[in-house]
Amino acid sequence: MSELPIPGPRIVGLPQHTLDAMRAGLPGLIDRMVLAVIAEVPALAAAAEESWRPVIDASADQLLGALLNQLHASTEPLTAVPMQEVLDTAYRFGRREARNGRPTEGQLAAYRVGARELWRDWSSLAVRDGIDRDQISAFAEMFFAYLDQISAAGVA
C-alpha cells in the first residue's frame, strides 16, 4: 500500500480590497461573535457579564487581527505576525478560564461559535468580491488550521 503525499499549505491570495473590508468590519464582527457566544455558551455568558467583556473583545481583536495579518502576509511575507504571540494570547485566555473554574468545553464551544460567525462574514465578503472557489477553499484551509492551533493553545 503506497502512501499519498500530504500537500503543503496553499497560498491564499485574497485581494487587498477584500482584506481591507474584513479589517474594517472587525469591530462589528467581534460584537456579533461575542453576542452569539453569550447566547449559545452559558458558561461564557456569565464571564461576559463579570466585566470580562473588554478582555474578551481585546483578545478577539488580537486573534482576528493576527489572522488578517497572516492573510496579508501570504502575499507579502514580511508583514507576518509571529504565531507565538497569538498562541500565547489563546493560552492566557484558557488559563484565565481554568482559574475561574470554567471547563474547556465552554472555551471550545466559544471558538466554534465565533468561527461560525467569522466564516459566515468573511466568506460572504470573498464571494461578493468574486474570489474563485480554489482561493476560498485555500482560505478555508488556512482559517480552520489557524482555529485549530488557537483552540489547542487555549485548552493547553
C-alpha atoms as a PDB file:
ATOM      1  CA  MET A   1       0.000   0.000   0.000  1.00  0.00           C
ATOM      2  CA  SER A   2       1.519   3.307  -1.041  1.00  0.00           C
ATOM      3  CA  GLU A   3       1.092   6.448   0.974  1.00  0.00           C
ATOM      4  CA  LEU A   4      -0.332   9.553  -0.605  1.00  0.00           C
ATOM      5  CA  PRO A   5       1.828  12.665  -0.249  1.00  0.00           C
ATOM      6  CA  ILE A   6       0.456  15.240   2.155  1.00  0.00           C
ATOM      7  CA  PRO A   7       0.113  18.555   0.360  1.00  0.00           C
ATOM      8  CA  GLY A   8       1.628  21.625   1.979  1.00  0.00           C
ATOM      9  CA  PRO A   9      -0.324  24.747   2.798  1.00  0.00           C
ATOM     10  CA  ARG A  10      -1.689  26.584  -0.190  1.00  0.00           C
ATOM     11  CA  ILE A  11      -1.115  30.266  -0.766  1.00  0.00           C
ATOM     12  CA  VAL A  12      -4.166  32.376  -0.020  1.00  0.00           C
ATOM     13  CA  GLY A  13      -4.269  35.335  -2.366  1.00  0.00           C
ATOM     14  CA  LEU A  14      -7.207  37.475  -1.344  1.00  0.00           C
ATOM     15  CA  PRO A  15      -7.231  40.912  -2.960  1.00  0.00           C
ATOM     16  CA  GLN A  16      -6.330  43.913  -0.850  1.00  0.00           C
ATOM     17  CA  HIS A  17      -9.839  45.403  -1.070  1.00  0.00           C
ATOM     18  CA  THR A  18     -11.293  42.195   0.427  1.00  0.00           C
ATOM     19  CA  LEU A  19      -8.731  42.246   3.250  1.00  0.00           C
ATOM     20  CA  ASP A  20      -9.491  45.930   3.835  1.00  0.00           C
ATOM     21  CA  ALA A  21     -13.237  45.177   4.056  1.00  0.00           C
ATOM     22  CA  MET A  22     -12.525  42.366   6.517  1.00  0.00           C
ATOM     23  CA  ARG A  23     -10.401  44.657   8.689  1.00  0.00           C
ATOM     24  CA  ALA A  24     -12.946  47.497   8.534  1.00  0.00           C
ATOM     25  CA  GLY A  25     -15.686  45.123   9.666  1.00  0.00           C
ATOM     26  CA  LEU A  26     -13.768  43.720  12.659  1.00  0.00           C
ATOM     27  CA  PRO A  27     -15.497  45.774  15.404  1.00  0.00           C
ATOM     28  CA  GLY A  28     -18.982  44.761  14.251  1.00  0.00           C
ATOM     29  CA  LEU A  29     -17.899  41.174  13.655  1.00  0.00           C
ATOM     30  CA  ILE A  30     -16.408  40.914  17.160  1.00  0.00           C
ATOM     31  CA  ASP A  31     -19.670  42.245  18.621  1.00  0.00           C
ATOM     32  CA  ARG A  32     -21.695  39.645  16.674  1.00  0.00           C
ATOM     33  CA  MET A  33     -19.285  36.883  17.689  1.00  0.00           C
ATOM     34  CA  VAL A  34     -19.437  37.793  21.391  1.00  0.00           C
ATOM     35  CA  LEU A  35     -23.238  38.125  21.324  1.00  0.00           C
ATOM     36  CA  ALA A  36     -23.524  34.709  19.640  1.00  0.00           C
ATOM     37  CA  VAL A  37     -21.204  33.175  22.248  1.00  0.00           C
ATOM     38  CA  ILE A  38     -23.189  34.788  25.075  1.00  0.00           C
ATOM     39  CA  ALA A  39     -26.417  33.394  23.588  1.00  0.00           C
ATOM     40  CA  GLU A  40     -25.077  29.891  22.940  1.00  0.00           C
ATOM     41  CA  VAL A  41     -22.429  29.200  25.605  1.00  0.00           C
ATOM     42  CA  PRO A  42     -23.934  29.775  29.056  1.00  0.00           C
ATOM     43  CA  ALA A  43     -20.611  29.350  30.891  1.00  0.00           C
ATOM     44  CA  LEU A  44     -19.121  32.249  28.968  1.00  0.00           C
ATOM     45  CA  ALA A  45     -22.267  34.349  29.163  1.00  0.00           C
ATOM     46  CA  ALA A  46     -21.520  34.738  32.860  1.00  0.00           C
ATOM     47  CA  ALA A  47     -17.908  35.699  32.072  1.00  0.00           C
ATOM     48  CA  ALA A  48     -19.062  38.428  29.706  1.00  0.00           C
ATOM     49  CA  GLU A  49     -21.295  39.828  32.448  1.00  0.00           C
ATOM     50  CA  GLU A  50     -18.468  39.754  35.023  1.00  0.00           C
ATOM     51  CA  SER A  51     -16.724  42.734  33.439  1.00  0.00           C
ATOM     52  CA  TRP A  52     -14.653  40.368  31.286  1.00  0.00           C
ATOM     53  CA  ARG A  53     -16.144  41.807  28.107  1.00  0.00           C
ATOM     54  CA  PRO A  54     -13.221  44.231  27.491  1.00  0.00           C
ATOM     55  CA  VAL A  55     -10.736  41.356  27.899  1.00  0.00           C
ATOM     56  CA  ILE A  56     -12.776  39.134  25.561  1.00  0.00           C
ATOM     57  CA  ASP A  57     -13.039  41.943  22.993  1.00  0.00           C
ATOM     58  CA  ALA A  58      -9.304  42.708  23.160  1.00  0.00           C
ATOM     59  CA  SER A  59      -8.385  39.025  22.821  1.00  0.00           C
ATOM     60  CA  ALA A  60     -10.736  38.576  19.856  1.00  0.00           C
ATOM     61  CA  ASP A  61      -9.365  41.723  18.232  1.00  0.00           C
ATOM     62  CA  GLN A  62      -5.782  40.473  18.592  1.00  0.00           C
ATOM     63  CA  LEU A  63      -6.572  36.953  17.341  1.00  0.00           C
ATOM     64  CA  LEU A  64      -8.578  38.174  14.339  1.00  0.00           C
ATOM     65  CA  GLY A  65      -6.146  40.977  13.556  1.00  0.00           C
ATOM     66  CA  ALA A  66      -3.320  38.443  13.522  1.00  0.00           C
ATOM     67  CA  LEU A  67      -5.337  36.209  11.201  1.00  0.00           C
ATOM     68  CA  LEU A  68      -5.843  39.133   8.829  1.00  0.00           C
ATOM     69  CA  ASN A  69      -2.133  39.885   9.006  1.00  0.00           C
ATOM     70  CA  GLN A  70      -1.396  36.267   8.088  1.00  0.00           C
ATOM     71  CA  LEU A  71      -3.765  36.517   5.126  1.00  0.00           C
ATOM     72  CA  HIS A  72      -1.986  39.693   4.052  1.00  0.00           C
ATOM     73  CA  ALA A  73       1.405  38.046   4.650  1.00  0.00           C
ATOM     74  CA  SER A  74       0.540  35.217   2.266  1.00  0.00           C
ATOM     75  CA  THR A  75       1.127  37.744  -0.493  1.00  0.00           C
ATOM     76  CA  GLU A  76       3.654  39.915   1.390  1.00  0.00           C
ATOM     77  CA  PRO A  77       5.620  37.653   3.796  1.00  0.00           C
ATOM     78  CA  LEU A  78       7.384  40.496   5.624  1.00  0.00           C
ATOM     79  CA  THR A  79       4.103  41.536   7.274  1.00  0.00           C
ATOM     80  CA  ALA A  80       3.629  38.209   9.107  1.00  0.00           C
ATOM     81  CA  VAL A  81       2.823  38.335  12.816  1.00  0.00           C
ATOM     82  CA  PRO A  82       4.749  35.866  14.970  1.00  0.00           C
ATOM     83  CA  MET A  83       2.357  32.995  15.606  1.00  0.00           C
ATOM     84  CA  GLN A  84       3.755  32.532  19.115  1.00  0.00           C
ATOM     85  CA  GLU A  85       2.206  35.839  20.208  1.00  0.00           C
ATOM     86  CA  VAL A  86      -1.199  34.625  19.031  1.00  0.00           C
ATOM     87  CA  LEU A  87      -0.781  31.257  20.733  1.00  0.00           C
ATOM     88  CA  ASP A  88       0.286  32.990  23.949  1.00  0.00           C
ATOM     89  CA  THR A  89      -2.918  35.067  23.908  1.00  0.00           C
ATOM     90  CA  ALA A  90      -5.046  31.942  23.410  1.00  0.00           C
ATOM     91  CA  TYR A  91      -3.127  30.184  26.194  1.00  0.00           C
ATOM     92  CA  ARG A  92      -3.677  33.110  28.595  1.00  0.00           C
ATOM     93  CA  PHE A  93      -7.389  33.105  27.769  1.00  0.00           C
ATOM     94  CA  GLY A  94      -7.567  29.374  28.511  1.00  0.00           C
ATOM     95  CA  ARG A  95      -5.619  29.785  31.733  1.00  0.00           C
ATOM     96  CA  ARG A  96      -7.966  32.562  32.877  1.00  0.00           C
ATOM     97  CA  GLU A  97     -10.974  30.351  32.105  1.00  0.00           C
ATOM     98  CA  ALA A  98      -9.452  27.449  34.070  1.00  0.00           C
ATOM     99  CA  ARG A  99      -8.703  29.705  37.056  1.00  0.00           C
ATOM    100  CA  ASN A 100     -12.345  30.736  37.046  1.00  0.00           C
ATOM    101  CA  GLY A 101     -13.437  27.119  37.136  1.00  0.00           C
ATOM    102  CA  ARG A 102     -14.914  27.030  33.653  1.00  0.00           C
ATOM    103  CA  PRO A 103     -14.424  23.748  31.765  1.00  0.00           C
ATOM    104  CA  THR A 104     -12.572  23.591  28.459  1.00  0.00           C
ATOM    105  CA  GLU A 105     -15.766  22.509  26.699  1.00  0.00           C
ATOM    106  CA  GLY A 106     -17.124  26.038  27.094  1.00  0.00           C
ATOM    107  CA  GLN A 107     -13.992  27.574  25.649  1.00  0.00           C
ATOM    108  CA  LEU A 108     -14.023  25.199  22.678  1.00  0.00           C
ATOM    109  CA  ALA A 109     -17.724  25.905  22.127  1.00  0.00           C
ATOM    110  CA  ALA A 110     -16.948  29.626  22.140  1.00  0.00           C
ATOM    111  CA  TYR A 111     -14.269  29.139  19.477  1.00  0.00           C
ATOM    112  CA  ARG A 112     -16.697  27.099  17.344  1.00  0.00           C
ATOM    113  CA  VAL A 113     -19.490  29.660  17.645  1.00  0.00           C
ATOM    114  CA  GLY A 114     -17.104  32.531  16.959  1.00  0.00           C
ATOM    115  CA  ALA A 115     -15.609  30.697  13.992  1.00  0.00           C
ATOM    116  CA  ARG A 116     -19.053  30.137  12.532  1.00  0.00           C
ATOM    117  CA  GLU A 117     -19.838  33.854  12.745  1.00  0.00           C
ATOM    118  CA  LEU A 118     -16.459  34.822  11.331  1.00  0.00           C
ATOM    119  CA  TRP A 119     -16.651  32.327   8.470  1.00  0.00           C
ATOM    120  CA  ARG A 120     -20.177  33.479   7.586  1.00  0.00           C
ATOM    121  CA  ASP A 121     -18.997  37.092   7.420  1.00  0.00           C
ATOM    122  CA  TRP A 122     -15.641  36.688   5.704  1.00  0.00           C
ATOM    123  CA  SER A 123     -16.641  34.000   3.220  1.00  0.00           C
ATOM    124  CA  SER A 124     -19.577  36.137   2.083  1.00  0.00           C
ATOM    125  CA  LEU A 125     -17.148  39.037   1.529  1.00  0.00           C
ATOM    126  CA  ALA A 126     -14.932  36.741  -0.546  1.00  0.00           C
ATOM    127  CA  VAL A 127     -17.894  35.571  -2.633  1.00  0.00           C
ATOM    128  CA  ARG A 128     -19.124  39.155  -3.032  1.00  0.00           C
ATOM    129  CA  ASP A 129     -15.695  40.137  -4.325  1.00  0.00           C
ATOM    130  CA  GLY A 130     -15.695  37.307  -6.877  1.00  0.00           C
ATOM    131  CA  ILE A 131     -12.943  35.232  -5.269  1.00  0.00           C
ATOM    132  CA  ASP A 132     -12.774  31.909  -7.106  1.00  0.00           C
ATOM    133  CA  ARG A 133     -13.604  28.640  -5.368  1.00  0.00           C
ATOM    134  CA  ASP A 134      -9.985  27.455  -5.239  1.00  0.00           C
ATOM    135  CA  GLN A 135      -8.984  30.571  -3.315  1.00  0.00           C
ATOM    136  CA  ILE A 136     -11.998  30.287  -0.986  1.00  0.00           C
ATOM    137  CA  SER A 137     -11.011  26.656  -0.388  1.00  0.00           C
ATOM    138  CA  ALA A 138      -7.401  27.670   0.374  1.00  0.00           C
ATOM    139  CA  PHE A 139      -8.738  30.407   2.655  1.00  0.00           C
ATOM    140  CA  ALA A 140     -10.915  27.850   4.488  1.00  0.00           C
ATOM    141  CA  GLU A 141      -7.924  25.526   4.967  1.00  0.00           C
ATOM    142  CA  MET A 142      -5.852  28.341   6.409  1.00  0.00           C
ATOM    143  CA  PHE A 143      -8.696  29.606   8.601  1.00  0.00           C
ATOM    144  CA  PHE A 144      -9.538  26.223  10.115  1.00  0.00           C
ATOM    145  CA  ALA A 145      -5.862  25.351  10.665  1.00  0.00           C
ATOM    146  CA  TYR A 146      -5.495  28.677  12.495  1.00  0.00           C
ATOM    147  CA  LEU A 147      -8.589  27.946  14.592  1.00  0.00           C
ATOM    148  CA  ASP A 148      -7.227  24.501  15.438  1.00  0.00           C
ATOM    149  CA  GLN A 149      -3.928  25.999  16.633  1.00  0.00           C
ATOM    150  CA  ILE A 150      -5.504  28.631  18.867  1.00  0.00           C
ATOM    151  CA  SER A 151      -8.031  26.124  20.253  1.00  0.00           C
ATOM    152  CA  ALA A 152      -5.220  23.729  21.155  1.00  0.00           C
ATOM    153  CA  ALA A 153      -3.247  26.527  22.815  1.00  0.00           C
ATOM    154  CA  GLY A 154      -6.297  27.648  24.749  1.00  0.00           C
ATOM    155  CA  VAL A 155      -7.050  24.258  26.236  1.00  0.00           C
ATOM    156  CA  ALA A 156      -3.397  23.517  26.977  1.00  0.00           C
END
